[in-house]
Amino acid sequence: MTDKQPEKEQSFTGNTENYTRGENPNSRANLKPWKKGESGNPSGRSTKYQKVGKTLNKVLDEPFNYIYENDGISRRERILSRFVEKAEDGSLSHFQ
């Protein structure tokens, strides 16, 4: 396996230590496994998908107004009822 960066024969910093990439004890001391229950991402999960979920919930809870039908049920209820109908008709993908 080749290194990502080629070794340089002379160091411009005057450092005489010759460690290969990732072998310096200082860099190895910085690598610690996470403790049990400790998060590697202290900021938490990205809110990007939560915003999409909130918007989708808002749209699904709006009343479904079709040109010919206005029975006042939400889009979510309409989708779920169609889903159940398909499952009752024997669609395996809707049943699972």
Protein backbone atom coordinates (compact mmCIF):
# COMPACT_ATOMS: atom_id res chain seq x y z
CA MET A 1 0.00 0.00 0.00
CA THR A 2 1.40 3.37 -0.92
CA ASP A 3 1.30 6.46 1.22
CA LYS A 4 -0.96 9.29 0.18
CA GLN A 5 1.90 11.73 0.51
CA PRO A 6 5.38 10.82 -0.66
CA GLU A 7 8.15 10.92 1.91
CA LYS A 8 10.41 13.94 1.68
CA GLU A 9 14.10 13.45 2.19
CA GLN A 10 14.66 16.73 3.99
CA SER A 11 12.31 18.38 6.39
CA PHE A 12 12.12 22.13 5.98
CA THR A 13 11.34 22.50 9.71
CA GLY A 14 14.60 20.91 10.83
CA ASN A 15 12.76 18.07 12.53
CA THR A 16 15.03 15.02 12.68
CA GLU A 17 12.34 12.52 13.70
CA ASN A 18 11.38 10.17 10.91
CA TYR A 19 7.88 8.87 11.54
CA THR A 20 5.80 7.53 8.70
CA ARG A 21 2.33 8.90 8.11
CA GLY A 22 0.11 8.33 11.16
CA GLU A 23 2.87 6.75 13.27
CA ASN A 24 3.81 9.77 15.40
CA PRO A 25 3.11 9.03 19.09
CA ASN A 26 1.47 12.43 19.52
CA SER A 27 -1.10 11.69 16.85
CA ARG A 28 -1.71 8.20 18.25
CA ALA A 29 -2.26 9.63 21.76
CA ASN A 30 -5.05 11.80 20.37
CA LEU A 31 -7.00 8.76 19.16
CA LYS A 32 -9.26 7.49 21.92
CA PRO A 33 -12.30 5.23 21.70
CA TRP A 34 -15.60 6.74 22.79
CA LYS A 35 -16.81 5.87 26.28
CA LYS A 36 -20.01 3.89 26.56
CA GLY A 37 -22.96 6.25 26.17
CA GLU A 38 -20.80 9.09 24.84
CA SER A 39 -21.69 10.56 21.48
CA GLY A 40 -19.21 11.12 18.70
CA ASN A 41 -21.43 13.91 17.41
CA PRO A 42 -22.11 16.35 20.26
CA SER A 43 -24.14 18.66 18.01
CA GLY A 44 -26.65 15.87 17.46
CA ARG A 45 -28.45 14.76 14.35
CA SER A 46 -28.78 17.15 11.45
CA THR A 47 -32.07 19.03 11.40
CA LYS A 48 -32.29 18.88 7.61
CA TYR A 49 -34.51 15.80 7.53
CA GLN A 50 -36.54 16.92 10.53
CA LYS A 51 -37.62 19.99 8.57
CA VAL A 52 -38.71 17.79 5.68
CA GLY A 53 -40.68 15.60 8.09
CA LYS A 54 -42.42 18.59 9.66
CA THR A 55 -43.37 19.95 6.25
CA LEU A 56 -44.62 16.56 5.12
CA ASN A 57 -46.74 16.19 8.27
CA LYS A 58 -48.17 19.65 7.69
CA VAL A 59 -49.13 18.82 4.09
CA LEU A 60 -50.54 15.41 4.99
CA ASP A 61 -52.76 16.87 7.70
CA GLU A 62 -54.37 19.35 5.29
CA PRO A 63 -57.87 18.45 4.09
CA PHE A 64 -57.95 16.57 0.82
CA ASN A 65 -60.01 18.58 -1.66
CA TYR A 66 -60.59 16.78 -4.90
CA ILE A 67 -62.69 18.37 -7.65
CA TYR A 68 -65.56 15.89 -7.33
CA GLU A 69 -65.27 14.97 -3.66
CA ASN A 70 -65.10 17.19 -0.62
CA ASP A 71 -65.61 14.89 2.34
CA GLY A 72 -63.18 16.76 4.64
CA ILE A 73 -60.74 13.94 5.39
CA SER A 74 -57.03 14.65 5.44
CA ARG A 75 -54.53 13.56 2.82
CA ARG A 76 -53.00 11.21 5.40
CA GLU A 77 -56.36 9.48 5.98
CA ARG A 78 -56.95 9.25 2.22
CA ILE A 79 -53.53 7.66 1.62
CA LEU A 80 -53.92 5.20 4.51
CA SER A 81 -57.40 4.15 3.40
CA ARG A 82 -56.15 3.49 -0.15
CA PHE A 83 -53.21 1.58 1.28
CA VAL A 84 -55.50 -0.63 3.35
CA GLU A 85 -57.79 -1.20 0.34
CA LYS A 86 -54.81 -2.39 -1.74
CA ALA A 87 -53.72 -4.72 1.08
CA GLU A 88 -57.24 -6.13 1.37
CA ASP A 89 -57.28 -6.75 -2.39
CA GLY A 90 -54.24 -8.99 -1.95
CA SER A 91 -51.30 -6.75 -2.82
CA LEU A 92 -48.36 -8.33 -0.99
CA SER A 93 -46.25 -5.18 -1.09
CA HIS A 94 -49.02 -3.23 0.67
CA PHE A 95 -49.58 -6.03 3.16
CA GLN A 96 -45.97 -6.14 4.33
